[in-house]
Amino acid sequence: MTATPPALHFREDFAGEQARIIALFGDVFTAAEGPDEGAAIAALVAAMAACGPAAGLRPFTAWQGDRLMGAVIFSPLRDAQAAHRIMLLSPMAVATDQQGRGIGQALIRHALARLTTDGTQIAVTYGDPAFYGRTGFAPVGTDMLPAPHPLSQPIGWIAQSLAGAALPQIQGPLACVAPLDDPALW
């Protein structure tokens, strides 16, 4: 059972906090996976932030006072026909000493609500179905929603419709932002 999250406020950009956001990802992934993974994820987040607004990235952060508690980045997945607005959740981090308190779920729910308001039709991620399932993500086959690259763990390819309808079948290929366009990440 998840504890009640602390009082949070949310922000929706990197403005002035890019270094803190990158450090959060590095620290969280170092604690969970070791220093090499921490450095790799920090470098990925730095590369994503450097893409700038033109890339369509949507960072969301959760704060308690002036403490950064969590961050998630959504980026566009583009289908060949540009027929759907699809956003990919990746990566995500919650401060190691704050995990299990509902912060990640609150942050994702906030982000999904904003994306829905802004016209996103589909949210997808490549992660733990048990965790992300708490916020509405469910497994989806690559025949229904193609991944940008072959998946090493297909069970982790999960999505949800934000348009109030069933997920449509998407024709591939799907293209992601350059920092995520590395087969080793998939």
Protein backbone atom coordinates (compact mmCIF):
# COMPACT_ATOMS: atom_id res chain seq x y z
CA MET A 1 0.00 0.00 0.00
CA THR A 2 1.30 3.42 -0.97
CA ALA A 3 1.51 6.08 1.72
CA THR A 4 -0.20 9.43 1.27
CA PRO A 5 2.07 11.75 -0.69
CA PRO A 6 3.25 14.93 1.00
CA ALA A 7 1.77 18.26 -0.09
CA LEU A 8 3.23 18.78 -3.53
CA HIS A 9 3.27 21.49 -6.12
CA PHE A 10 4.13 20.85 -9.74
CA ARG A 11 6.15 22.66 -12.37
CA GLU A 12 6.20 22.04 -16.09
CA ASP A 13 9.55 23.09 -17.48
CA PHE A 14 13.29 22.92 -16.96
CA ALA A 15 13.56 26.68 -16.38
CA GLY A 16 16.30 27.45 -13.91
CA GLU A 17 16.27 23.92 -12.49
CA GLN A 18 17.94 21.90 -15.23
CA ALA A 19 21.02 21.06 -13.13
CA ARG A 20 18.89 19.96 -10.15
CA ILE A 21 16.68 17.80 -12.37
CA ILE A 22 19.69 16.14 -14.00
CA ALA A 23 21.26 15.56 -10.57
CA LEU A 24 18.04 13.99 -9.26
CA PHE A 25 18.02 11.45 -12.09
CA GLY A 26 21.71 10.71 -11.61
CA ASP A 27 21.35 10.25 -7.85
CA VAL A 28 18.23 8.06 -8.06
CA PHE A 29 19.62 5.76 -10.74
CA THR A 30 23.01 5.57 -9.01
CA ALA A 31 21.29 4.44 -5.79
CA ALA A 32 19.14 1.89 -7.64
CA GLU A 33 21.43 0.59 -10.38
CA GLY A 34 24.96 1.79 -9.63
CA PRO A 35 27.19 4.67 -10.71
CA ASP A 36 27.42 3.70 -14.39
CA GLU A 37 23.64 3.67 -14.79
CA GLY A 38 23.33 6.89 -12.78
CA ALA A 39 25.82 8.64 -15.07
CA ALA A 40 24.13 7.26 -18.19
CA ILE A 41 20.66 8.42 -17.15
CA ALA A 42 21.96 11.83 -16.07
CA ALA A 43 23.62 12.19 -19.50
CA LEU A 44 20.37 11.12 -21.20
CA VAL A 45 18.36 13.74 -19.29
CA ALA A 46 20.97 16.41 -20.08
CA ALA A 47 20.75 15.50 -23.78
CA MET A 48 16.96 15.63 -23.66
CA ALA A 49 16.98 19.03 -21.95
CA ALA A 50 19.41 20.31 -24.58
CA CYS A 51 16.91 19.45 -27.33
CA GLY A 52 14.98 22.57 -26.42
CA PRO A 53 11.28 23.37 -26.71
CA ALA A 54 11.22 22.69 -30.46
CA ALA A 55 11.59 18.95 -29.74
CA GLY A 56 8.22 18.94 -27.96
CA LEU A 57 9.53 17.69 -24.61
CA ARG A 58 7.25 18.09 -21.61
CA PRO A 59 9.12 17.85 -18.30
CA PHE A 60 7.06 17.73 -15.11
CA THR A 61 8.51 18.06 -11.62
CA ALA A 62 7.07 17.61 -8.13
CA TRP A 63 8.22 19.87 -5.31
CA GLN A 64 7.69 20.05 -1.58
CA GLY A 65 8.66 23.58 -0.68
CA ASP A 66 11.95 24.12 -2.50
CA ARG A 67 12.90 20.42 -2.49
CA LEU A 68 12.72 18.58 -5.80
CA MET A 69 10.89 15.34 -5.00
CA GLY A 70 10.45 13.82 -8.45
CA ALA A 71 10.63 14.39 -12.18
CA VAL A 72 9.25 12.83 -15.33
CA ILE A 73 9.86 13.71 -18.95
CA PHE A 74 7.38 13.11 -21.75
CA SER A 75 8.50 13.37 -25.35
CA PRO A 76 6.67 12.93 -28.64
CA LEU A 77 6.48 9.67 -30.53
CA ARG A 78 5.65 10.48 -34.13
CA ASP A 79 3.84 8.07 -36.40
CA ALA A 80 4.59 8.12 -40.11
CA GLN A 81 1.23 9.68 -40.98
CA ALA A 82 1.28 12.17 -38.05
CA ALA A 83 -2.26 10.99 -37.38
CA HIS A 84 -1.98 10.72 -33.58
CA ARG A 85 -0.56 12.77 -30.72
CA ILE A 86 1.49 10.23 -28.78
CA MET A 87 3.74 11.04 -25.83
CA LEU A 88 6.39 8.73 -24.35
CA LEU A 89 7.01 8.82 -20.59
CA SER A 90 10.75 8.33 -20.13
CA PRO A 91 12.62 8.69 -17.88
CA MET A 92 11.12 9.14 -14.42
CA ALA A 93 12.69 9.47 -10.97
CA VAL A 94 11.54 10.08 -7.39
CA ALA A 95 14.06 11.05 -4.71
CA THR A 96 15.33 7.80 -3.22
CA ASP A 97 14.35 8.69 0.36
CA GLN A 98 10.84 9.64 -0.80
CA GLN A 99 9.93 6.52 -2.79
CA GLY A 100 6.83 4.58 -1.76
CA ARG A 101 4.96 7.70 -0.63
CA GLY A 102 2.79 8.17 -3.73
CA ILE A 103 4.88 11.00 -5.20
CA GLY A 104 5.52 9.22 -8.50
CA GLN A 105 1.86 8.38 -8.97
CA ALA A 106 0.77 11.93 -8.12
CA LEU A 107 3.33 13.33 -10.55
CA ILE A 108 2.24 11.00 -13.36
CA ARG A 109 -1.46 11.75 -12.76
CA HIS A 110 -0.75 15.49 -12.87
CA ALA A 111 1.27 15.12 -16.09
CA LEU A 112 -1.37 12.93 -17.77
CA ALA A 113 -4.11 15.42 -16.88
CA ARG A 114 -2.10 18.26 -18.43
CA LEU A 115 -1.28 16.22 -21.52
CA THR A 116 -4.94 15.29 -21.93
CA THR A 117 -5.93 18.97 -21.71
CA ASP A 118 -3.31 19.76 -24.35
CA GLY A 119 -4.70 17.19 -26.79
CA THR A 120 -2.41 14.21 -26.33
CA GLN A 121 -4.29 11.10 -27.41
CA ILE A 122 -1.98 8.30 -26.24
CA ALA A 123 0.58 8.02 -23.44
CA VAL A 124 3.07 5.18 -23.61
CA THR A 125 6.04 4.07 -21.54
CA TYR A 126 8.53 1.24 -21.37
CA GLY A 127 8.70 0.23 -17.74
CA ASP A 128 7.30 -1.78 -14.84
CA PRO A 129 3.66 -2.67 -15.56
CA ALA A 130 2.92 -3.08 -11.83
CA PHE A 131 4.06 0.47 -11.02
CA TYR A 132 2.70 2.25 -14.08
CA GLY A 133 -0.50 0.19 -14.03
CA ARG A 134 -1.51 2.16 -10.92
CA THR A 135 -1.89 5.21 -13.15
CA GLY A 136 -3.77 3.53 -15.99
CA PHE A 137 -1.04 2.06 -18.18
CA ALA A 138 -1.65 -1.46 -19.50
CA PRO A 139 0.38 -3.81 -21.71
CA VAL A 140 0.07 -3.21 -25.42
CA GLY A 141 1.55 -5.31 -28.21
CA THR A 142 3.94 -3.82 -30.72
CA ASP A 143 1.49 -4.94 -33.41
CA MET A 144 -0.97 -2.39 -31.95
CA LEU A 145 1.56 0.31 -31.04
CA PRO A 146 5.00 -0.18 -32.63
CA ALA A 147 8.06 0.72 -30.59
CA PRO A 148 10.80 2.83 -32.20
CA HIS A 149 13.22 -0.12 -31.82
CA PRO A 150 12.90 -3.85 -30.99
CA LEU A 151 12.12 -4.31 -27.30
CA SER A 152 14.33 -6.42 -25.03
CA GLN A 153 11.46 -6.69 -22.50
CA PRO A 154 8.16 -6.54 -24.47
CA ILE A 155 6.12 -6.95 -21.25
CA GLY A 156 7.22 -3.42 -20.32
CA TRP A 157 5.64 -1.78 -23.40
CA ILE A 158 2.53 -0.22 -21.85
CA ALA A 159 0.15 2.52 -22.88
CA GLN A 160 -3.17 4.19 -22.27
CA SER A 161 -5.62 6.23 -24.26
CA LEU A 162 -6.06 9.79 -23.04
CA ALA A 163 -8.81 10.45 -25.58
CA GLY A 164 -11.60 8.58 -23.81
CA ALA A 165 -11.66 5.78 -26.36
CA ALA A 166 -9.90 2.48 -26.90
CA LEU A 167 -6.35 2.62 -28.14
CA PRO A 168 -6.32 2.79 -31.93
CA GLN A 169 -3.99 0.59 -33.93
CA ILE A 170 -1.00 2.73 -34.89
CA GLN A 171 0.89 2.22 -38.11
CA GLY A 172 4.64 2.37 -37.67
CA PRO A 173 7.30 3.19 -37.70
CA LEU A 174 7.31 5.52 -34.71
CA ALA A 175 10.10 8.05 -34.28
CA CYS A 176 11.31 9.32 -30.91
CA VAL A 177 13.49 12.28 -29.95
CA ALA A 178 17.18 11.87 -30.78
CA PRO A 179 18.48 11.14 -27.25
CA LEU A 180 16.08 8.18 -26.95
CA ASP A 181 16.77 6.93 -30.47
CA ASP A 182 19.34 4.39 -29.31
CA PRO A 183 18.51 0.68 -29.72
CA ALA A 184 20.41 -0.08 -26.49
CA LEU A 185 17.72 1.79 -24.52
CA TRP A 186 14.98 -0.45 -25.84
